[in-house]
Amino acid sequence: MGPVYLKEVEQVAKAGPVGAQFAAMEAQGIPVPQILYLFAYKPEMTEHLSRFTQHLLRGPSPLSPGQRELIAAFTSSLNQCPF
């Protein structure tokens, strides 16, 4: 996966509390999803998105969490976005 468009976001995120996790992923050849840099850059700004996503995937629904994960993964693959 290429670098994020805003280099400062990636740099600040890597220097923060989860920077060691990003480094470990990269050392193992695991690409760091760019959205994680955004979440690490300004966690207070992404808190609502995180809660929304968790409620969407894990909250009450006629679909099981596994089915919802499969739908999200399939949609991501159609958008050529790693999930």
PDB file of N, CA and C in Angstrom:
ATOM      1  N   MET A   1       0.849  -1.169   0.000  1.00  0.00           N
ATOM      2  CA  MET A   1       0.000   0.000   0.000  1.00  0.00           C
ATOM      3  C   MET A   1       0.892   1.228   0.000  1.00  0.00           C
ATOM      4  N   GLY A   2       0.564   2.210  -0.809  1.00  0.00           N
ATOM      5  CA  GLY A   2       1.376   3.414  -0.923  1.00  0.00           C
ATOM      6  C   GLY A   2       1.223   4.326   0.274  1.00  0.00           C
ATOM      7  N   PRO A   3       2.029   5.371   0.316  1.00  0.00           N
ATOM      8  CA  PRO A   3       1.939   6.321   1.425  1.00  0.00           C
ATOM      9  C   PRO A   3       0.616   7.082   1.377  1.00  0.00           C
ATOM     10  N   VAL A   4       0.211   7.582   2.522  1.00  0.00           N
ATOM     11  CA  VAL A   4      -1.015   8.369   2.572  1.00  0.00           C
ATOM     12  C   VAL A   4      -0.791   9.689   1.854  1.00  0.00           C
ATOM     13  N   TYR A   5      -1.869  10.319   1.451  1.00  0.00           N
ATOM     14  CA  TYR A   5      -1.769  11.563   0.697  1.00  0.00           C
ATOM     15  C   TYR A   5      -1.226  12.704   1.548  1.00  0.00           C
ATOM     16  N   LEU A   6      -1.557  12.714   2.818  1.00  0.00           N
ATOM     17  CA  LEU A   6      -1.063  13.751   3.716  1.00  0.00           C
ATOM     18  C   LEU A   6       0.051  13.150   4.567  1.00  0.00           C
ATOM     19  N   LYS A   7       1.272  13.387   4.165  1.00  0.00           N
ATOM     20  CA  LYS A   7       2.433  12.775   4.816  1.00  0.00           C
ATOM     21  C   LYS A   7       2.470  13.071   6.315  1.00  0.00           C
ATOM     22  N   GLU A   8       2.043  14.261   6.720  1.00  0.00           N
ATOM     23  CA  GLU A   8       2.053  14.623   8.138  1.00  0.00           C
ATOM     24  C   GLU A   8       1.169  13.678   8.951  1.00  0.00           C
ATOM     25  N   VAL A   9       0.041  13.276   8.388  1.00  0.00           N
ATOM     26  CA  VAL A   9      -0.860  12.359   9.091  1.00  0.00           C
ATOM     27  C   VAL A   9      -0.129  11.053   9.396  1.00  0.00           C
ATOM     28  N   GLU A  10       0.554  10.507   8.398  1.00  0.00           N
ATOM     29  CA  GLU A  10       1.284   9.258   8.591  1.00  0.00           C
ATOM     30  C   GLU A  10       2.416   9.435   9.606  1.00  0.00           C
ATOM     31  N   GLN A  11       3.157  10.523   9.506  1.00  0.00           N
ATOM     32  CA  GLN A  11       4.289  10.753  10.403  1.00  0.00           C
ATOM     33  C   GLN A  11       3.837  10.905  11.852  1.00  0.00           C
ATOM     34  N   VAL A  12       2.790  11.699  12.074  1.00  0.00           N
ATOM     35  CA  VAL A  12       2.296  11.921  13.436  1.00  0.00           C
ATOM     36  C   VAL A  12       1.729  10.618  14.006  1.00  0.00           C
ATOM     37  N   ALA A  13       1.002   9.863  13.182  1.00  0.00           N
ATOM     38  CA  ALA A  13       0.422   8.604  13.649  1.00  0.00           C
ATOM     39  C   ALA A  13       1.509   7.611  14.034  1.00  0.00           C
ATOM     40  N   LYS A  14       2.573   7.536  13.229  1.00  0.00           N
ATOM     41  CA  LYS A  14       3.659   6.598  13.523  1.00  0.00           C
ATOM     42  C   LYS A  14       4.436   7.003  14.776  1.00  0.00           C
ATOM     43  N   ALA A  15       4.438   8.285  15.109  1.00  0.00           N
ATOM     44  CA  ALA A  15       5.148   8.760  16.297  1.00  0.00           C
ATOM     45  C   ALA A  15       4.297   8.646  17.561  1.00  0.00           C
ATOM     46  N   GLY A  16       3.012   8.332  17.392  1.00  0.00           N
ATOM     47  CA  GLY A  16       2.093   8.273  18.527  1.00  0.00           C
ATOM     48  C   GLY A  16       2.096   6.928  19.220  1.00  0.00           C
ATOM     49  N   PRO A  17       1.100   6.731  20.090  1.00  0.00           N
ATOM     50  CA  PRO A  17       1.024   5.520  20.909  1.00  0.00           C
ATOM     51  C   PRO A  17       0.935   4.208  20.122  1.00  0.00           C
ATOM     52  N   VAL A  18       0.384   4.231  18.918  1.00  0.00           N
ATOM     53  CA  VAL A  18       0.257   2.993  18.140  1.00  0.00           C
ATOM     54  C   VAL A  18       1.358   2.857  17.097  1.00  0.00           C
ATOM     55  N   GLY A  19       2.320   3.742  17.131  1.00  0.00           N
ATOM     56  CA  GLY A  19       3.415   3.699  16.161  1.00  0.00           C
ATOM     57  C   GLY A  19       4.165   2.384  16.159  1.00  0.00           C
ATOM     58  N   ALA A  20       4.367   1.795  17.340  1.00  0.00           N
ATOM     59  CA  ALA A  20       5.074   0.511  17.426  1.00  0.00           C
ATOM     60  C   ALA A  20       4.267  -0.595  16.742  1.00  0.00           C
ATOM     61  N   GLN A  21       2.946  -0.523  16.836  1.00  0.00           N
ATOM     62  CA  GLN A  21       2.097  -1.520  16.172  1.00  0.00           C
ATOM     63  C   GLN A  21       2.208  -1.379  14.650  1.00  0.00           C
ATOM     64  N   PHE A  22       2.237  -0.131  14.171  1.00  0.00           N
ATOM     65  CA  PHE A  22       2.396   0.088  12.732  1.00  0.00           C
ATOM     66  C   PHE A  22       3.747  -0.454  12.266  1.00  0.00           C
ATOM     67  N   ALA A  23       4.795  -0.187  13.045  1.00  0.00           N
ATOM     68  CA  ALA A  23       6.134  -0.659  12.691  1.00  0.00           C
ATOM     69  C   ALA A  23       6.178  -2.190  12.661  1.00  0.00           C
ATOM     70  N   ALA A  24       5.523  -2.834  13.624  1.00  0.00           N
ATOM     71  CA  ALA A  24       5.504  -4.298  13.665  1.00  0.00           C
ATOM     72  C   ALA A  24       4.770  -4.861  12.450  1.00  0.00           C
ATOM     73  N   MET A  25       3.670  -4.230  12.064  1.00  0.00           N
ATOM     74  CA  MET A  25       2.937  -4.677  10.878  1.00  0.00           C
ATOM     75  C   MET A  25       3.813  -4.560   9.637  1.00  0.00           C
ATOM     76  N   GLU A  26       4.467  -3.414   9.492  1.00  0.00           N
ATOM     77  CA  GLU A  26       5.323  -3.195   8.323  1.00  0.00           C
ATOM     78  C   GLU A  26       6.488  -4.177   8.299  1.00  0.00           C
ATOM     79  N   ALA A  27       7.058  -4.469   9.477  1.00  0.00           N
ATOM     80  CA  ALA A  27       8.188  -5.406   9.557  1.00  0.00           C
ATOM     81  C   ALA A  27       7.783  -6.813   9.117  1.00  0.00           C
ATOM     82  N   GLN A  28       6.523  -7.151   9.303  1.00  0.00           N
ATOM     83  CA  GLN A  28       6.021  -8.465   8.909  1.00  0.00           C
ATOM     84  C   GLN A  28       5.472  -8.457   7.478  1.00  0.00           C
ATOM     85  N   GLY A  29       5.593  -7.321   6.811  1.00  0.00           N
ATOM     86  CA  GLY A  29       5.101  -7.227   5.442  1.00  0.00           C
ATOM     87  C   GLY A  29       3.599  -7.029   5.345  1.00  0.00           C
ATOM     88  N   ILE A  30       2.977  -6.646   6.446  1.00  0.00           N
ATOM     89  CA  ILE A  30       1.531  -6.409   6.467  1.00  0.00           C
ATOM     90  C   ILE A  30       1.290  -4.926   6.185  1.00  0.00           C
ATOM     91  N   PRO A  31       0.576  -4.600   5.116  1.00  0.00           N
ATOM     92  CA  PRO A  31       0.319  -3.188   4.836  1.00  0.00           C
ATOM     93  C   PRO A  31      -0.612  -2.583   5.887  1.00  0.00           C
ATOM     94  N   VAL A  32      -0.294  -1.388   6.314  1.00  0.00           N
ATOM     95  CA  VAL A  32      -1.128  -0.683   7.287  1.00  0.00           C
ATOM     96  C   VAL A  32      -2.237   0.022   6.516  1.00  0.00           C
ATOM     97  N   PRO A  33      -3.502  -0.316   6.784  1.00  0.00           N
ATOM     98  CA  PRO A  33      -4.588   0.392   6.109  1.00  0.00           C
ATOM     99  C   PRO A  33      -4.517   1.890   6.411  1.00  0.00           C
ATOM    100  N   GLN A  34      -4.661   2.697   5.379  1.00  0.00           N
ATOM    101  CA  GLN A  34      -4.492   4.135   5.546  1.00  0.00           C
ATOM    102  C   GLN A  34      -5.482   4.750   6.520  1.00  0.00           C
ATOM    103  N   ILE A  35      -6.665   4.163   6.639  1.00  0.00           N
ATOM    104  CA  ILE A  35      -7.638   4.697   7.582  1.00  0.00           C
ATOM    105  C   ILE A  35      -7.117   4.632   9.012  1.00  0.00           C
ATOM    106  N   LEU A  36      -6.253   3.651   9.306  1.00  0.00           N
ATOM    107  CA  LEU A  36      -5.703   3.550  10.656  1.00  0.00           C
ATOM    108  C   LEU A  36      -4.803   4.733  10.988  1.00  0.00           C
ATOM    109  N   TYR A  37      -4.116   5.271   9.979  1.00  0.00           N
ATOM    110  CA  TYR A  37      -3.312   6.471  10.221  1.00  0.00           C
ATOM    111  C   TYR A  37      -4.207   7.636  10.632  1.00  0.00           C
ATOM    112  N   LEU A  38      -5.345   7.754   9.969  1.00  0.00           N
ATOM    113  CA  LEU A  38      -6.276   8.829  10.312  1.00  0.00           C
ATOM    114  C   LEU A  38      -6.805   8.647  11.732  1.00  0.00           C
ATOM    115  N   PHE A  39      -7.162   7.418  12.089  1.00  0.00           N
ATOM    116  CA  PHE A  39      -7.670   7.156  13.432  1.00  0.00           C
ATOM    117  C   PHE A  39      -6.602   7.460  14.480  1.00  0.00           C
ATOM    118  N   ALA A  40      -5.348   7.169  14.180  1.00  0.00           N
ATOM    119  CA  ALA A  40      -4.258   7.416  15.134  1.00  0.00           C
ATOM    120  C   ALA A  40      -3.861   8.888  15.162  1.00  0.00           C
ATOM    121  N   TYR A  41      -4.053   9.593  14.063  1.00  0.00           N
ATOM    122  CA  TYR A  41      -3.662  11.000  13.963  1.00  0.00           C
ATOM    123  C   TYR A  41      -4.520  11.883  14.873  1.00  0.00           C
ATOM    124  N   LYS A  42      -5.810  11.721  14.794  1.00  0.00           N
ATOM    125  CA  LYS A  42      -6.733  12.528  15.608  1.00  0.00           C
ATOM    126  C   LYS A  42      -7.823  11.614  16.161  1.00  0.00           C
ATOM    127  N   PRO A  43      -7.488  10.805  17.166  1.00  0.00           N
ATOM    128  CA  PRO A  43      -8.469   9.833  17.662  1.00  0.00           C
ATOM    129  C   PRO A  43      -9.764  10.474  18.156  1.00  0.00           C
ATOM    130  N   GLU A  44      -9.668  11.670  18.709  1.00  0.00           N
ATOM    131  CA  GLU A  44     -10.890  12.323  19.206  1.00  0.00           C
ATOM    132  C   GLU A  44     -11.828  12.702  18.056  1.00  0.00           C
ATOM    133  N   MET A  45     -11.276  12.866  16.859  1.00  0.00           N
ATOM    134  CA  MET A  45     -12.087  13.236  15.702  1.00  0.00           C
ATOM    135  C   MET A  45     -12.728  12.006  15.045  1.00  0.00           C
ATOM    136  N   THR A  46     -12.184  10.843  15.275  1.00  0.00           N
ATOM    137  CA  THR A  46     -12.698   9.637  14.627  1.00  0.00           C
ATOM    138  C   THR A  46     -13.475   8.742  15.596  1.00  0.00           C
ATOM    139  N   GLU A  47     -13.626   9.188  16.823  1.00  0.00           N
ATOM    140  CA  GLU A  47     -14.330   8.391  17.829  1.00  0.00           C
ATOM    141  C   GLU A  47     -15.755   8.070  17.392  1.00  0.00           C
ATOM    142  N   HIS A  48     -16.458   9.051  16.837  1.00  0.00           N
ATOM    143  CA  HIS A  48     -17.843   8.828  16.417  1.00  0.00           C
ATOM    144  C   HIS A  48     -17.925   7.839  15.254  1.00  0.00           C
ATOM    145  N   LEU A  49     -16.997   7.943  14.308  1.00  0.00           N
ATOM    146  CA  LEU A  49     -16.963   7.011  13.188  1.00  0.00           C
ATOM    147  C   LEU A  49     -16.702   5.590  13.682  1.00  0.00           C
ATOM    148  N   SER A  50     -15.807   5.463  14.640  1.00  0.00           N
ATOM    149  CA  SER A  50     -15.495   4.147  15.205  1.00  0.00           C
ATOM    150  C   SER A  50     -16.714   3.549  15.909  1.00  0.00           C
ATOM    151  N   ARG A  51     -17.395   4.354  16.714  1.00  0.00           N
ATOM    152  CA  ARG A  51     -18.591   3.863  17.415  1.00  0.00           C
ATOM    153  C   ARG A  51     -19.688   3.502  16.424  1.00  0.00           C
ATOM    154  N   PHE A  52     -19.869   4.331  15.385  1.00  0.00           N
ATOM    155  CA  PHE A  52     -20.872   4.055  14.355  1.00  0.00           C
ATOM    156  C   PHE A  52     -20.589   2.721  13.672  1.00  0.00           C
ATOM    157  N   THR A  53     -19.330   2.527  13.288  1.00  0.00           N
ATOM    158  CA  THR A  53     -18.944   1.301  12.587  1.00  0.00           C
ATOM    159  C   THR A  53     -19.160   0.078  13.465  1.00  0.00           C
ATOM    160  N   GLN A  54     -18.757   0.163  14.714  1.00  0.00           N
ATOM    161  CA  GLN A  54     -18.933  -0.972  15.625  1.00  0.00           C
ATOM    162  C   GLN A  54     -20.414  -1.285  15.846  1.00  0.00           C
ATOM    163  N   HIS A  55     -21.228  -0.252  15.979  1.00  0.00           N
ATOM    164  CA  HIS A  55     -22.664  -0.477  16.167  1.00  0.00           C
ATOM    165  C   HIS A  55     -23.264  -1.085  14.896  1.00  0.00           C
ATOM    166  N   LEU A  56     -22.835  -0.615  13.757  1.00  0.00           N
ATOM    167  CA  LEU A  56     -23.323  -1.132  12.486  1.00  0.00           C
ATOM    168  C   LEU A  56     -22.984  -2.609  12.328  1.00  0.00           C
ATOM    169  N   LEU A  57     -21.764  -2.990  12.677  1.00  0.00           N
ATOM    170  CA  LEU A  57     -21.324  -4.370  12.496  1.00  0.00           C
ATOM    171  C   LEU A  57     -21.681  -5.288  13.661  1.00  0.00           C
ATOM    172  N   ARG A  58     -21.872  -4.745  14.841  1.00  0.00           N
ATOM    173  CA  ARG A  58     -22.090  -5.591  16.023  1.00  0.00           C
ATOM    174  C   ARG A  58     -23.420  -5.355  16.731  1.00  0.00           C
ATOM    175  N   GLY A  59     -24.114  -4.277  16.394  1.00  0.00           N
ATOM    176  CA  GLY A  59     -25.373  -3.955  17.064  1.00  0.00           C
ATOM    177  C   GLY A  59     -26.506  -4.871  16.640  1.00  0.00           C
ATOM    178  N   PRO A  60     -27.692  -4.650  17.193  1.00  0.00           N
ATOM    179  CA  PRO A  60     -28.850  -5.470  16.862  1.00  0.00           C
ATOM    180  C   PRO A  60     -29.156  -5.413  15.359  1.00  0.00           C
ATOM    181  N   SER A  61     -29.453  -6.572  14.786  1.00  0.00           N
ATOM    182  CA  SER A  61     -29.732  -6.654  13.354  1.00  0.00           C
ATOM    183  C   SER A  61     -30.275  -8.037  13.029  1.00  0.00           C
ATOM    184  N   PRO A  62     -31.076  -8.151  11.977  1.00  0.00           N
ATOM    185  CA  PRO A  62     -31.497  -9.489  11.548  1.00  0.00           C
ATOM    186  C   PRO A  62     -30.337 -10.273  10.927  1.00  0.00           C
ATOM    187  N   LEU A  63     -29.261  -9.589  10.553  1.00  0.00           N
ATOM    188  CA  LEU A  63     -28.072 -10.251  10.003  1.00  0.00           C
ATOM    189  C   LEU A  63     -27.060 -10.491  11.120  1.00  0.00           C
ATOM    190  N   SER A  64     -26.378 -11.610  11.054  1.00  0.00           N
ATOM    191  CA  SER A  64     -25.353 -11.900  12.055  1.00  0.00           C
ATOM    192  C   SER A  64     -24.145 -10.991  11.823  1.00  0.00           C
ATOM    193  N   PRO A  65     -23.311 -10.780  12.853  1.00  0.00           N
ATOM    194  CA  PRO A  65     -22.092  -9.987  12.648  1.00  0.00           C
ATOM    195  C   PRO A  65     -21.221 -10.553  11.528  1.00  0.00           C
ATOM    196  N   GLY A  66     -21.154 -11.873  11.416  1.00  0.00           N
ATOM    197  CA  GLY A  66     -20.364 -12.491  10.348  1.00  0.00           C
ATOM    198  C   GLY A  66     -20.892 -12.141   8.967  1.00  0.00           C
ATOM    199  N   GLN A  67     -22.221 -12.154   8.814  1.00  0.00           N
ATOM    200  CA  GLN A  67     -22.809 -11.787   7.524  1.00  0.00           C
ATOM    201  C   GLN A  67     -22.506 -10.330   7.183  1.00  0.00           C
ATOM    202  N   ARG A  68     -22.589  -9.470   8.192  1.00  0.00           N
ATOM    203  CA  ARG A  68     -22.301  -8.042   7.960  1.00  0.00           C
ATOM    204  C   ARG A  68     -20.834  -7.831   7.606  1.00  0.00           C
ATOM    205  N   GLU A  69     -19.942  -8.583   8.248  1.00  0.00           N
ATOM    206  CA  GLU A  69     -18.511  -8.507   7.909  1.00  0.00           C
ATOM    207  C   GLU A  69     -18.277  -8.946   6.467  1.00  0.00           C
ATOM    208  N   LEU A  70     -18.968 -10.019   6.046  1.00  0.00           N
ATOM    209  CA  LEU A  70     -18.824 -10.488   4.667  1.00  0.00           C
ATOM    210  C   LEU A  70     -19.317  -9.450   3.664  1.00  0.00           C
ATOM    211  N   ILE A  71     -20.426  -8.801   3.966  1.00  0.00           N
ATOM    212  CA  ILE A  71     -20.938  -7.745   3.089  1.00  0.00           C
ATOM    213  C   ILE A  71     -19.932  -6.609   3.001  1.00  0.00           C
ATOM    214  N   ALA A  72     -19.367  -6.209   4.144  1.00  0.00           N
ATOM    215  CA  ALA A  72     -18.373  -5.129   4.160  1.00  0.00           C
ATOM    216  C   ALA A  72     -17.123  -5.525   3.381  1.00  0.00           C
ATOM    217  N   ALA A  73     -16.668  -6.766   3.565  1.00  0.00           N
ATOM    218  CA  ALA A  73     -15.470  -7.229   2.846  1.00  0.00           C
ATOM    219  C   ALA A  73     -15.728  -7.303   1.348  1.00  0.00           C
ATOM    220  N   PHE A  74     -16.896  -7.787   0.951  1.00  0.00           N
ATOM    221  CA  PHE A  74     -17.238  -7.872  -0.467  1.00  0.00           C
ATOM    222  C   PHE A  74     -17.317  -6.480  -1.086  1.00  0.00           C
ATOM    223  N   THR A  75     -17.959  -5.554  -0.383  1.00  0.00           N
ATOM    224  CA  THR A  75     -18.058  -4.177  -0.873  1.00  0.00           C
ATOM    225  C   THR A  75     -16.674  -3.560  -1.019  1.00  0.00           C
ATOM    226  N   SER A  76     -15.812  -3.793  -0.037  1.00  0.00           N
ATOM    227  CA  SER A  76     -14.452  -3.277  -0.105  1.00  0.00           C
ATOM    228  C   SER A  76     -13.706  -3.858  -1.299  1.00  0.00           C
ATOM    229  N   SER A  77     -13.906  -5.141  -1.568  1.00  0.00           N
ATOM    230  CA  SER A  77     -13.212  -5.746  -2.709  1.00  0.00           C
ATOM    231  C   SER A  77     -13.708  -5.154  -4.022  1.00  0.00           C
ATOM    232  N   LEU A  78     -15.008  -4.869  -4.110  1.00  0.00           N
ATOM    233  CA  LEU A  78     -15.530  -4.229  -5.323  1.00  0.00           C
ATOM    234  C   LEU A  78     -14.923  -2.843  -5.522  1.00  0.00           C
ATOM    235  N   ASN A  79     -14.647  -2.172  -4.409  1.00  0.00           N
ATOM    236  CA  ASN A  79     -14.043  -0.841  -4.459  1.00  0.00           C
ATOM    237  C   ASN A  79     -12.513  -0.905  -4.522  1.00  0.00           C
ATOM    238  N   GLN A  80     -11.964  -2.115  -4.641  1.00  0.00           N
ATOM    239  CA  GLN A  80     -10.512  -2.346  -4.664  1.00  0.00           C
ATOM    240  C   GLN A  80      -9.835  -1.717  -3.434  1.00  0.00           C
ATOM    241  N   CYS A  81     -10.488  -1.899  -2.289  1.00  0.00           N
ATOM    242  CA  CYS A  81     -10.002  -1.365  -1.024  1.00  0.00           C
ATOM    243  C   CYS A  81      -9.732  -2.531  -0.086  1.00  0.00           C
ATOM    244  N   PRO A  82      -8.503  -2.683   0.415  1.00  0.00           N
ATOM    245  CA  PRO A  82      -8.221  -3.781   1.347  1.00  0.00           C
ATOM    246  C   PRO A  82      -9.104  -3.661   2.580  1.00  0.00           C
ATOM    247  N   PHE A  83      -9.641  -4.774   3.023  1.00  0.00           N
ATOM    248  CA  PHE A  83     -10.529  -4.770   4.197  1.00  0.00           C
ATOM    249  C   PHE A  83      -9.882  -5.588   5.281  1.00  0.00           C
TER     250      PHE A  83
END
